[in-house]
Protein backbone atom coordinates (compact mmCIF):
# COMPACT_ATOMS: atom_id res chain seq x y z
CA MET A 1 22.90 -98.76 -107.50
CA ALA A 2 25.49 -99.25 -110.28
CA LYS A 3 28.73 -99.91 -108.28
CA PHE A 4 30.73 -97.58 -110.86
CA LEU A 5 29.36 -94.32 -109.57
CA VAL A 6 31.64 -91.67 -107.97
CA PRO A 7 30.84 -92.25 -103.93
CA ASP A 8 30.01 -89.18 -102.31
CA ASN A 9 28.77 -87.16 -105.37
CA PRO A 10 26.09 -84.97 -104.25
CA ALA A 11 24.82 -84.03 -107.63
CA ARG A 12 24.78 -87.69 -108.77
CA GLN A 13 22.71 -88.25 -105.74
CA PHE A 14 20.50 -85.69 -106.28
CA THR A 15 20.65 -86.85 -109.52
CA HIS A 16 19.68 -90.02 -109.43
CA VAL A 17 17.00 -89.59 -106.46
CA ALA A 18 15.13 -87.16 -109.33
CA ARG A 19 15.08 -89.34 -112.13
CA LEU A 20 13.40 -92.24 -108.79
CA LEU A 21 10.86 -90.10 -108.16
CA THR A 22 10.32 -88.55 -111.59
CA ARG A 23 9.35 -92.35 -112.63
CA TYR A 24 7.85 -92.71 -109.16
CA PHE A 25 5.03 -90.21 -109.87
CA ASP A 26 4.82 -91.38 -113.89
CA ARG A 27 3.69 -94.06 -112.70
CA ARG A 28 0.63 -92.89 -110.12
CA LEU A 29 -0.03 -90.18 -112.86
CA ALA A 30 -0.58 -92.42 -115.64
CA PRO A 31 -4.34 -93.18 -115.13
CA LEU A 32 -5.29 -90.43 -115.15
CA GLY A 33 -3.59 -89.74 -118.49
CA ILE A 34 -0.35 -86.77 -117.41
CA ASN A 35 3.28 -87.44 -116.55
CA VAL A 36 5.71 -85.73 -114.47
CA ALA A 37 6.43 -82.98 -116.79
CA ASN A 38 2.79 -82.21 -117.34
CA LEU A 39 3.22 -80.27 -113.48
CA SER A 40 3.99 -77.11 -114.50
CA VAL A 41 2.08 -75.85 -117.10
CA LEU A 42 -1.33 -78.18 -116.22
CA GLY A 43 0.05 -75.88 -112.32
CA ALA A 44 1.06 -72.38 -114.21
CA LEU A 45 -2.50 -72.75 -115.32
CA ARG A 46 -4.28 -73.19 -112.23
CA ASN A 47 -2.91 -70.15 -111.09
CA SER A 48 -3.48 -68.44 -113.65
CA ALA A 49 -6.21 -68.35 -116.16
CA GLN A 50 -5.18 -67.92 -119.27
CA LEU A 51 -0.87 -67.92 -120.31
CA SER A 52 0.59 -67.88 -123.75
CA GLN A 53 3.38 -70.01 -125.26
CA LYS A 54 6.07 -68.26 -124.40
CA GLU A 55 4.98 -67.53 -120.75
CA LEU A 56 4.42 -71.64 -119.82
CA THR A 57 7.83 -71.60 -121.24
CA GLU A 58 9.53 -69.83 -119.37
CA ILE A 59 7.44 -70.94 -116.47
CA GLY A 60 8.07 -75.41 -117.23
CA ARG A 61 12.01 -74.03 -118.08
CA ILE A 62 12.35 -75.64 -121.31
CA GLY A 63 13.25 -74.67 -124.41
CA GLN A 64 9.67 -73.33 -127.09
CA PRO A 65 10.39 -76.81 -129.81
CA ALA A 66 8.94 -78.78 -126.11
CA MET A 67 7.14 -76.85 -124.58
CA ALA A 68 5.22 -76.86 -128.50
CA GLN A 69 4.83 -81.08 -128.02
CA MET A 70 3.39 -81.11 -124.34
CA LEU A 71 1.26 -78.47 -125.49
CA ASP A 72 -0.28 -79.91 -128.48
CA ARG A 73 -0.18 -83.09 -126.87
CA LEU A 74 -1.87 -82.01 -123.75
CA MET A 75 -4.50 -80.64 -126.30
CA ARG A 76 -5.38 -83.36 -127.85
CA GLU A 77 -5.76 -85.23 -124.09
CA GLY A 78 -9.05 -82.72 -123.87
CA LEU A 79 -6.93 -81.64 -121.26
CA LEU A 80 -6.07 -77.73 -122.79
CA VAL A 81 -8.22 -74.63 -124.48
CA ARG A 82 -6.35 -73.06 -126.64
CA THR A 83 -7.16 -68.87 -127.44
CA ALA A 84 -6.42 -65.80 -129.28
CA ASP A 85 -5.99 -63.36 -127.08
CA THR A 86 -8.36 -61.06 -127.02
CA VAL A 87 -6.02 -57.59 -127.02
CA ASP A 88 -3.19 -59.27 -129.27
CA ARG A 89 -4.45 -60.97 -132.11
CA ARG A 90 -1.69 -63.03 -133.01
CA LYS A 91 -0.70 -64.30 -129.35
CA VAL A 92 -2.25 -67.85 -128.77
CA LEU A 93 -3.30 -68.08 -124.87
CA PHE A 94 -3.46 -71.48 -123.53
CA ALA A 95 -5.91 -72.88 -120.77
CA LEU A 96 -7.26 -76.13 -118.75
CA SER A 97 -9.61 -77.57 -120.07
CA PRO A 98 -13.60 -78.13 -117.90
CA ARG A 99 -11.80 -81.96 -118.03
CA ALA A 100 -8.44 -80.68 -116.39
CA GLN A 101 -10.19 -78.18 -114.32
CA LYS A 102 -11.59 -81.48 -112.41
CA LEU A 103 -8.79 -83.29 -113.03
CA MET A 104 -6.78 -81.26 -110.50
CA ALA A 105 -7.73 -82.09 -106.93
CA THR A 106 -7.22 -86.14 -108.10
CA ILE A 107 -3.84 -85.06 -109.09
CA GLU A 108 -3.20 -83.02 -106.35
CA ILE A 109 -4.78 -86.28 -104.12
CA HIS A 110 -2.15 -88.47 -106.32
CA LEU A 111 0.98 -85.89 -105.14
CA ARG A 112 0.30 -85.50 -101.34
CA ASP A 113 -0.03 -89.51 -100.84
CA GLY A 114 3.03 -89.94 -103.01
CA ASN A 115 5.49 -87.31 -101.49
CA ALA A 116 3.20 -88.98 -98.04
CA GLU A 117 4.47 -92.04 -99.07
CA ALA A 118 8.31 -91.39 -100.95
CA PHE A 119 9.04 -89.07 -98.28
CA SER A 120 7.58 -91.02 -95.01
CA VAL A 121 11.57 -93.14 -94.44
CA LEU A 122 11.98 -89.51 -92.20
CA ASP A 123 10.28 -88.14 -88.95
CA GLN A 124 8.39 -84.51 -89.02
CA ASP A 125 11.86 -82.52 -87.61
CA GLU A 126 14.03 -84.61 -90.39
CA PHE A 127 11.46 -83.86 -93.49
CA GLY A 128 11.98 -80.21 -92.30
CA THR A 129 16.21 -80.23 -91.71
CA LEU A 130 15.78 -81.87 -95.44
CA MET A 131 14.22 -78.90 -97.21
CA ARG A 132 15.60 -76.64 -95.61
CA LEU A 133 18.62 -77.77 -96.62
CA ILE A 134 17.26 -78.21 -100.58
CA GLN A 135 15.86 -74.98 -100.74
CA ARG A 136 19.82 -73.52 -99.24
CA ILE A 137 21.12 -75.80 -102.24
CA GLU A 138 18.60 -74.39 -104.66
CA ARG A 139 19.15 -70.80 -104.08
CA ARG A 140 22.58 -71.05 -103.91
CA LEU A 141 22.42 -73.27 -106.99
CA ASP A 142 20.43 -70.06 -108.47
CA GLU A 143 23.23 -66.38 -107.69
CA LEU A 144 26.04 -69.26 -109.27
CA THR A 145 23.27 -69.83 -112.83
CA ASP A 146 22.33 -66.00 -112.25
CA MET A 147 26.09 -65.59 -112.27
CA ASP A 148 26.58 -66.95 -116.00
CA ALA A 149 23.91 -64.87 -117.11
């Protein structure tokens, strides 16, 4: 780790750990043709048969242009199918392709095993404490960002 970073800065530490986790899981998922950024879309579509780009943008909390690029890439990779909404023909809906549906179980195994490996330095009590603390911080940050809106 670089020596010039401010010590005892939890926000910087969270950012650093998040980047390391993203790099780690991107490597685990690469053989499947996906990366961490794709997980919010794939997971949302697994839980909801079809969603619009706008809905996926809200779920993924990323901008429309970035979401459009991701959806195009996932369609080129054969992981998504696009159809017109039967109620509103102007609206486009996205769904998992049959290939992606089959791949979801393998993705879950990679994520489960990767989490087990990454967090194996913690015992069960420490892991529970970590999760509770992260959830508290997440709730607080949600409150703070809601105040800005």
